[in-house]
């Protein structure tokens, strides 16, 4: 029997693009190192000078990246005959030791300062801004239209921004090419997100994918350029409405927080997010206390992928919710107390029972006519006001 698509590429890999990126980054480091040198020397000497500076402090992740970049440059110089085998081996060992010695805590940078706890109020302000501008003469251009839709659907599906380019829809399933499938970070190249409980989102997601393809063509097939343009537009919106700065990644954080708060298991969250490890979402993403309403946690993963993640992580006992709240796994036919809300799990034979209720928050429908949406028309409508909004029920 053929393996499912998500199990066809589970070995640790290093693509040619990654190798080229390491080599390019290594030569950038080498240029910086040579500027610090006061005399002649080979690449080993240059890197020793660069990383021998005791005033430098790097995060462990940075030192691991620099190690691979240095290794790529040394390998190239060895291949070109500029270094002997012995010099390359001993020199790399010395540089690796210097990099380890440079590890330590350092101030947060922009890349690590991404907003991980966006509020529903901020979300609503962004939505209202797009709605207001859509009614102005000329409406929204394609970039703003795409950005508005990404903000709308992001809290439901948690795609990485770069994953939208190759995403497709099959019925109610959103098919995603995992952006981080190499080096064992995801169980294969693909994951499927079932939107069967979110029929109002399906046409919007399909339209978003089509518009992204058009914008990609308009940007001369430069995806980095597209993401940069979208990110800049979003930053302007946040500045204009005076809220904390959202990034394109922010909706991924809130989606994972929604799943945690709704009581999905760690394996279910990993399957939806494109992780192979159940620890990733727990350690690096917003906690369940930052989640919004149950409606935002209605997406479901492929049950076969969930089972594979459970096996991959060696889980042999009943899972605990990612929010560390008390949960239990019971038969779907069991009588559930009226005061406990339930969320049917991906695997049909069980439901997860959470023992916590949440505050009432209004639900948002951003697109008034999602099927007939054009690049210049987006309206915001509210299904319920604050007083009548549904609770965070899990039924």
Protein backbone atom coordinates (compact mmCIF):
# COMPACT_ATOMS: atom_id res chain seq x y z
CA UNK A 1 0.00 0.00 0.00
CA UNK A 2 1.34 3.42 -0.92
CA UNK A 3 2.21 5.79 1.90
CA UNK A 4 -0.01 8.83 2.45
CA UNK A 5 1.37 11.98 0.85
CA UNK A 6 2.41 13.43 4.19
CA UNK A 7 4.68 10.44 4.92
CA UNK A 8 6.63 10.44 1.65
CA UNK A 9 9.36 12.84 2.77
CA UNK A 10 10.13 12.36 6.43
CA UNK A 11 13.94 12.02 6.26
CA UNK A 12 16.26 14.84 7.16
CA UNK A 13 17.11 16.76 4.03
CA UNK A 14 19.19 19.68 2.83
CA UNK A 15 18.08 21.16 -0.44
CA UNK A 16 20.33 22.72 -3.07
CA UNK A 17 18.74 26.09 -2.28
CA UNK A 18 19.76 25.69 1.35
CA UNK A 19 23.33 24.83 0.37
CA UNK A 20 23.53 27.87 -1.89
CA UNK A 21 22.12 30.07 0.87
CA UNK A 22 24.73 28.80 3.34
CA UNK A 23 27.54 29.46 0.87
CA UNK A 24 26.26 32.93 0.05
CA UNK A 25 25.92 33.79 3.74
CA UNK A 26 29.38 32.38 4.38
CA UNK A 27 30.98 34.67 1.84
CA UNK A 28 29.20 37.64 3.43
CA UNK A 29 30.76 36.62 6.76
CA UNK A 30 34.13 36.20 5.06
CA UNK A 31 33.98 39.72 3.62
CA UNK A 32 33.20 41.08 7.07
CA UNK A 33 36.04 39.02 8.56
CA UNK A 34 38.64 40.25 6.06
CA UNK A 35 37.81 43.85 6.93
CA UNK A 36 38.76 43.10 10.53
CA UNK A 37 42.10 41.53 9.59
CA UNK A 38 45.20 43.66 10.01
CA UNK A 39 47.49 41.40 8.00
CA UNK A 40 47.57 38.52 5.49
CA UNK A 41 45.91 35.18 6.17
CA UNK A 42 43.63 32.53 4.74
CA UNK A 43 39.90 32.05 5.39
CA UNK A 44 40.61 30.19 8.64
CA UNK A 45 42.58 33.14 9.97
CA UNK A 46 39.86 35.55 8.85
CA UNK A 47 37.08 33.66 10.62
CA UNK A 48 39.23 33.33 13.76
CA UNK A 49 39.60 37.11 13.86
CA UNK A 50 35.88 37.65 13.31
CA UNK A 51 34.64 35.23 15.96
CA UNK A 52 37.52 35.74 18.34
CA UNK A 53 36.09 39.10 19.41
CA UNK A 54 35.08 38.53 23.04
CA UNK A 55 32.65 41.46 22.92
CA UNK A 56 30.42 39.57 20.50
CA UNK A 57 27.40 37.69 21.88
CA UNK A 58 25.21 35.53 19.64
CA UNK A 59 22.10 33.52 20.22
CA UNK A 60 22.60 29.75 19.92
CA UNK A 61 20.48 29.70 16.75
CA UNK A 62 22.75 32.32 15.17
CA UNK A 63 25.91 30.39 16.01
CA UNK A 64 24.45 27.25 14.45
CA UNK A 65 23.68 29.19 11.27
CA UNK A 66 27.15 30.76 11.18
CA UNK A 67 28.68 27.33 11.69
CA UNK A 68 26.96 25.99 8.57
CA UNK A 69 27.92 29.08 6.57
CA UNK A 70 31.57 28.83 7.63
CA UNK A 71 31.60 25.13 6.84
CA UNK A 72 30.27 25.85 3.33
CA UNK A 73 33.00 28.39 2.63
CA UNK A 74 35.76 26.15 3.99
CA UNK A 75 34.46 23.27 1.86
CA UNK A 76 34.54 25.49 -1.22
CA UNK A 77 38.09 26.64 -0.50
CA UNK A 78 39.14 23.04 0.10
CA UNK A 79 37.58 22.04 -3.21
CA UNK A 80 39.40 24.89 -4.97
CA UNK A 81 42.71 23.76 -3.55
CA UNK A 82 43.21 26.84 -1.37
CA UNK A 83 43.23 24.78 1.85
CA UNK A 84 44.70 21.42 2.79
CA UNK A 85 42.52 18.73 4.31
CA UNK A 86 44.30 19.00 7.65
CA UNK A 87 44.07 22.79 7.72
CA UNK A 88 40.36 22.70 6.88
CA UNK A 89 39.52 20.15 9.59
CA UNK A 90 41.57 21.71 12.39
CA UNK A 91 40.58 25.25 11.41
CA UNK A 92 36.87 24.46 11.36
CA UNK A 93 37.13 22.83 14.80
CA UNK A 94 38.75 26.01 16.17
CA UNK A 95 36.08 28.26 14.63
CA UNK A 96 33.29 26.04 15.95
CA UNK A 97 34.76 26.35 19.46
CA UNK A 98 34.90 30.14 19.10
CA UNK A 99 31.25 30.23 18.03
CA UNK A 100 30.20 28.17 21.04
CA UNK A 101 32.14 30.55 23.27
CA UNK A 102 30.25 33.50 21.80
CA UNK A 103 26.84 32.13 22.81
CA UNK A 104 24.80 34.04 25.35
CA UNK A 105 21.68 36.14 25.96
CA UNK A 106 21.29 39.30 23.93
CA UNK A 107 18.56 41.92 23.37
CA UNK A 108 15.51 40.98 21.37
CA UNK A 109 15.50 41.91 17.73
CA UNK A 110 12.65 42.66 15.38
CA UNK A 111 12.49 39.11 14.01
CA UNK A 112 11.99 37.78 17.53
CA UNK A 113 9.61 40.56 18.52
CA UNK A 114 6.66 39.40 16.42
CA UNK A 115 3.32 40.00 18.05
CA UNK A 116 2.16 36.67 19.49
CA UNK A 117 -0.86 37.80 21.50
CA UNK A 118 -3.08 39.89 19.21
CA UNK A 119 -6.46 40.83 20.61
CA UNK A 120 -9.87 40.47 19.04
CA UNK A 121 -10.31 44.25 19.39
CA UNK A 122 -7.20 44.83 17.26
CA UNK A 123 -8.47 42.35 14.70
CA UNK A 124 -11.78 44.18 14.51
CA UNK A 125 -10.07 47.56 14.06
CA UNK A 126 -8.04 46.21 11.14
CA UNK A 127 -11.17 44.77 9.55
CA UNK A 128 -13.06 48.02 9.96
CA UNK A 129 -10.22 49.98 8.38
CA UNK A 130 -10.27 47.79 5.27
CA UNK A 131 -14.06 48.02 5.12
CA UNK A 132 -14.00 51.81 5.39
CA UNK A 133 -11.39 52.21 2.66
CA UNK A 134 -13.18 49.74 0.40
CA UNK A 135 -16.09 52.17 0.24
CA UNK A 136 -13.93 55.09 -0.86
CA UNK A 137 -13.73 56.00 -4.57
CA UNK A 138 -11.50 53.41 -6.23
CA UNK A 139 -11.83 50.96 -3.36
CA UNK A 140 -8.94 48.64 -2.52
CA UNK A 141 -6.23 47.60 -4.92
CA UNK A 142 -5.28 43.94 -5.30
CA UNK A 143 -2.58 44.07 -2.61
CA UNK A 144 -4.94 45.48 0.01
CA UNK A 145 -7.68 43.06 -1.03
CA UNK A 146 -5.35 40.10 -0.55
CA UNK A 147 -4.13 41.47 2.76
CA UNK A 148 -7.70 41.92 4.00
CA UNK A 149 -8.53 38.32 3.11
CA UNK A 150 -5.33 37.00 4.72
CA UNK A 151 -6.25 38.79 7.94
CA UNK A 152 -9.77 37.36 7.72
CA UNK A 153 -8.89 33.69 7.22
CA UNK A 154 -5.54 33.57 9.03
CA UNK A 155 -6.99 33.13 12.54
CA UNK A 156 -8.86 30.04 11.28
CA UNK A 157 -6.11 28.19 9.37
CA UNK A 158 -2.67 29.31 10.66
CA UNK A 159 -0.83 29.16 7.35
CA UNK A 160 2.66 30.57 7.27
CA UNK A 161 2.60 33.59 4.92
CA UNK A 162 4.84 31.85 2.38
CA UNK A 163 2.53 28.80 2.24
CA UNK A 164 -0.31 30.65 0.53
CA UNK A 165 1.46 30.67 -2.85
CA UNK A 166 1.17 26.91 -3.40
CA UNK A 167 -2.02 26.28 -1.42
CA UNK A 168 -5.02 24.75 -3.22
CA UNK A 169 -8.64 23.92 -2.38
CA UNK A 170 -10.27 20.54 -2.98
CA UNK A 171 -13.86 20.66 -1.85
CA UNK A 172 -13.73 21.76 1.78
CA UNK A 173 -10.08 20.78 2.19
CA UNK A 174 -7.31 23.37 2.14
CA UNK A 175 -4.20 21.59 0.83
CA UNK A 176 -0.94 23.13 2.05
CA UNK A 177 2.63 22.50 0.94
CA UNK A 178 4.58 22.58 4.20
CA UNK A 179 7.14 25.39 4.15
CA UNK A 180 9.30 23.56 6.69
CA UNK A 181 9.15 19.94 5.60
CA UNK A 182 12.93 19.45 5.52
CA UNK A 183 15.10 18.27 8.40
CA UNK A 184 12.19 16.43 9.99
CA UNK A 185 10.28 19.58 10.93
CA UNK A 186 7.05 18.28 9.37
CA UNK A 187 5.83 14.77 8.63
CA UNK A 188 6.09 15.10 4.87
CA UNK A 189 5.55 17.77 2.27
CA UNK A 190 1.77 18.20 2.52
CA UNK A 191 -0.96 18.72 5.08
CA UNK A 192 -4.72 19.03 4.64
CA UNK A 193 -6.91 21.34 6.71
CA UNK A 194 -10.60 20.47 6.65
CA UNK A 195 -12.87 23.54 6.55
CA UNK A 196 -16.12 21.56 6.54
CA UNK A 197 -17.24 23.35 9.72
CA UNK A 198 -16.43 26.71 8.11
CA UNK A 199 -18.47 26.82 4.88
CA UNK A 200 -18.44 30.62 4.94
CA UNK A 201 -14.63 30.60 4.71
CA UNK A 202 -14.27 28.17 1.79
CA UNK A 203 -15.14 30.57 -1.09
CA UNK A 204 -13.03 33.28 0.51
CA UNK A 205 -9.99 31.00 0.74
CA UNK A 206 -10.44 29.95 -2.90
CA UNK A 207 -10.67 33.57 -3.99
CA UNK A 208 -7.63 34.51 -1.90
CA UNK A 209 -5.52 31.78 -3.53
CA UNK A 210 -6.53 32.99 -6.99
CA UNK A 211 -5.76 36.62 -6.20
CA UNK A 212 -2.36 35.70 -4.76
CA UNK A 213 -1.48 33.93 -8.00
CA UNK A 214 -2.33 37.08 -9.95
CA UNK A 215 -0.31 39.31 -7.62
CA UNK A 216 2.60 36.89 -7.90
CA UNK A 217 2.56 37.32 -11.68
CA UNK A 218 2.30 41.10 -11.36
CA UNK A 219 5.38 41.07 -9.10
CA UNK A 220 7.46 39.27 -11.76
CA UNK A 221 7.17 35.96 -9.87
CA UNK A 222 9.13 37.38 -6.94
CA UNK A 223 7.42 35.94 -3.85
CA UNK A 224 9.70 37.76 -1.43
CA UNK A 225 8.68 41.00 -3.08
CA UNK A 226 5.01 40.10 -2.65
CA UNK A 227 5.42 39.25 1.04
CA UNK A 228 7.42 42.42 1.60
CA UNK A 229 4.71 44.52 -0.01
CA UNK A 230 1.98 42.86 2.07
CA UNK A 231 3.97 43.27 5.27
CA UNK A 232 4.57 46.96 4.62
CA UNK A 233 0.88 47.56 3.93
CA UNK A 234 -0.09 45.82 7.16
CA UNK A 235 2.42 47.91 9.12
CA UNK A 236 0.87 51.08 7.67
CA UNK A 237 -2.63 49.95 8.65
CA UNK A 238 -1.53 49.30 12.24
CA UNK A 239 0.16 52.69 12.46
CA UNK A 240 -2.88 54.45 10.99
CA UNK A 241 -5.36 52.92 13.45
CA UNK A 242 -2.88 53.17 16.32
CA UNK A 243 -2.60 49.54 17.43
CA UNK A 244 0.38 47.31 18.08
CA UNK A 245 2.15 46.30 14.90
CA UNK A 246 0.89 43.06 13.43
CA UNK A 247 3.03 40.99 11.09
CA UNK A 248 1.82 38.54 8.46
CA UNK A 249 2.75 35.81 10.95
CA UNK A 250 0.54 37.18 13.71
CA UNK A 251 -2.60 35.41 12.51
CA UNK A 252 -0.75 32.08 12.70
CA UNK A 253 -0.04 32.70 16.38
CA UNK A 254 -3.65 33.55 17.15
CA UNK A 255 -4.96 30.53 15.21
CA UNK A 256 -2.77 28.19 17.25
CA UNK A 257 -3.89 29.98 20.43
CA UNK A 258 -7.51 29.43 19.34
CA UNK A 259 -6.89 25.69 18.93
CA UNK A 260 -5.20 25.49 22.31
CA UNK A 261 -8.03 27.31 24.00
CA UNK A 262 -10.63 25.12 22.33
CA UNK A 263 -8.95 22.04 23.80
CA UNK A 264 -7.53 20.40 20.65
CA UNK A 265 -4.80 17.92 21.47
CA UNK A 266 -1.15 18.70 20.88
CA UNK A 267 -1.08 16.20 18.00
CA UNK A 268 -4.12 17.80 16.34
CA UNK A 269 -2.54 21.24 16.62
CA UNK A 270 0.76 19.95 15.21
CA UNK A 271 -1.09 18.39 12.24
CA UNK A 272 -2.94 21.63 11.51
CA UNK A 273 0.17 23.80 11.90
CA UNK A 274 2.55 21.63 9.88
CA UNK A 275 4.77 20.51 12.76
CA UNK A 276 6.19 17.05 13.37
CA UNK A 277 6.85 17.70 17.06
CA UNK A 278 4.06 18.38 19.51
CA UNK A 279 6.47 20.56 21.50
CA UNK A 280 6.82 23.25 18.83
CA UNK A 281 3.42 24.88 19.30
CA UNK A 282 3.71 24.66 23.09
CA UNK A 283 7.13 26.31 23.27
CA UNK A 284 7.12 28.87 20.46
CA UNK A 285 3.53 30.04 19.96
CA UNK A 286 0.93 32.02 21.87
CA UNK A 287 -0.76 30.27 24.78
CA UNK A 288 -4.40 29.28 24.93
CA UNK A 289 -5.27 32.26 27.13
CA UNK A 290 -4.81 34.44 24.04
CA UNK A 291 -7.37 32.47 22.00
CA UNK A 292 -10.63 34.04 20.83
CA UNK A 293 -13.87 32.12 20.20
CA UNK A 294 -14.72 28.52 19.37
CA UNK A 295 -15.76 29.47 15.84
CA UNK A 296 -12.16 30.38 15.09
CA UNK A 297 -11.12 26.86 16.18
CA UNK A 298 -13.37 24.93 13.80
CA UNK A 299 -10.74 23.71 11.32
CA UNK A 300 -9.85 20.01 11.57
CA UNK A 301 -6.71 18.08 10.56
CA UNK A 302 -6.29 14.85 8.60
CA UNK A 303 -6.90 12.08 11.18
CA UNK A 304 -4.25 9.87 9.59
CA UNK A 305 -1.70 12.66 10.01
CA UNK A 306 -2.75 13.10 13.63
CA UNK A 307 -2.18 9.38 14.23
CA UNK A 308 1.23 9.59 12.54
CA UNK A 309 2.24 12.54 14.75
CA UNK A 310 1.11 10.67 17.86
CA UNK A 311 3.28 7.71 16.83
CA UNK A 312 6.19 9.98 15.86
CA UNK A 313 6.17 11.65 19.28
CA UNK A 314 5.78 8.41 21.19
CA UNK A 315 2.47 9.41 22.79
CA UNK A 316 0.90 6.33 24.38
CA UNK A 317 -1.50 7.89 26.90
CA UNK A 318 -4.62 10.00 26.62
CA UNK A 319 -3.48 13.48 25.48
CA UNK A 320 -3.78 16.60 27.57
CA UNK A 321 -4.95 19.84 26.02
CA UNK A 322 -2.28 22.33 25.08
CA UNK A 323 -3.76 24.79 27.54
CA UNK A 324 -2.89 22.40 30.40
CA UNK A 325 -6.54 22.45 31.40
CA UNK A 326 -8.22 19.32 32.69
CA UNK A 327 -9.47 17.27 29.75
CA UNK A 328 -10.64 13.72 29.41
CA UNK A 329 -11.19 11.38 26.49
CA UNK A 330 -14.58 9.71 26.55
CA UNK A 331 -16.76 7.72 24.23
CA UNK A 332 -18.80 9.79 21.82
CA UNK A 333 -21.88 7.96 23.10
CA UNK A 334 -21.21 8.86 26.73
CA UNK A 335 -23.45 11.32 28.51
CA UNK A 336 -21.67 14.65 28.85
CA UNK A 337 -22.73 16.93 31.71
CA UNK A 338 -24.73 19.93 30.56
CA UNK A 339 -22.28 22.36 32.17
CA UNK A 340 -19.34 20.98 30.18
CA UNK A 341 -18.96 22.07 26.58
CA UNK A 342 -17.71 19.60 24.01
CA UNK A 343 -15.59 19.81 20.90
CA UNK A 344 -15.67 16.70 18.67
CA UNK A 345 -12.10 15.67 18.01
CA UNK A 346 -10.69 14.77 14.64
CA UNK A 347 -10.77 11.06 15.41
CA UNK A 348 -14.52 10.20 15.25
CA UNK A 349 -14.67 7.81 18.20
CA UNK A 350 -13.98 10.40 20.88
CA UNK A 351 -14.71 13.91 22.04
CA UNK A 352 -12.64 16.18 24.23
CA UNK A 353 -14.35 17.52 27.33
CA UNK A 354 -13.02 20.82 28.66
CA UNK A 355 -14.00 22.12 32.06
CA UNK A 356 -13.76 25.83 31.36
CA UNK A 357 -16.13 28.43 29.95
CA UNK A 358 -15.03 31.59 28.19
CA UNK A 359 -16.24 35.12 27.83
CA UNK A 360 -18.62 36.18 25.12
CA UNK A 361 -17.00 37.72 22.04
CA UNK A 362 -18.73 38.89 18.85
CA UNK A 363 -18.22 36.97 15.63
CA UNK A 364 -17.02 38.77 12.52
CA UNK A 365 -17.93 38.21 8.90
CA UNK A 366 -15.67 40.44 6.86
CA UNK A 367 -16.72 39.70 3.33
CA UNK A 368 -20.35 40.46 2.55
CA UNK A 369 -20.42 38.64 -0.77
CA UNK A 370 -17.43 36.33 -0.71
CA UNK A 371 -18.15 34.49 -3.96
CA UNK A 372 -18.58 37.63 -5.99
CA UNK A 373 -15.71 39.51 -4.38
CA UNK A 374 -13.73 41.84 -6.62
CA UNK A 375 -10.32 43.39 -5.91
CA UNK A 376 -11.96 46.72 -5.11
CA UNK A 377 -14.92 45.79 -2.91
CA UNK A 378 -14.82 44.48 0.67
CA UNK A 379 -17.53 45.17 3.22
CA UNK A 380 -17.58 44.46 6.95
CA UNK A 381 -20.75 43.14 8.55
CA UNK A 382 -21.32 41.93 12.07
CA UNK A 383 -23.44 38.84 12.65
CA UNK A 384 -24.15 39.73 16.26
CA UNK A 385 -23.60 42.65 18.57
CA UNK A 386 -21.63 42.44 21.79
CA UNK A 387 -24.70 41.66 23.88
CA UNK A 388 -25.89 38.74 21.75
CA UNK A 389 -22.59 37.25 20.66
CA UNK A 390 -22.19 33.48 21.22
CA UNK A 391 -20.04 32.23 24.05
CA UNK A 392 -16.87 30.24 23.65
CA UNK A 393 -18.92 27.07 23.59
CA UNK A 394 -17.33 23.93 22.26
CA UNK A 395 -20.43 22.30 20.95
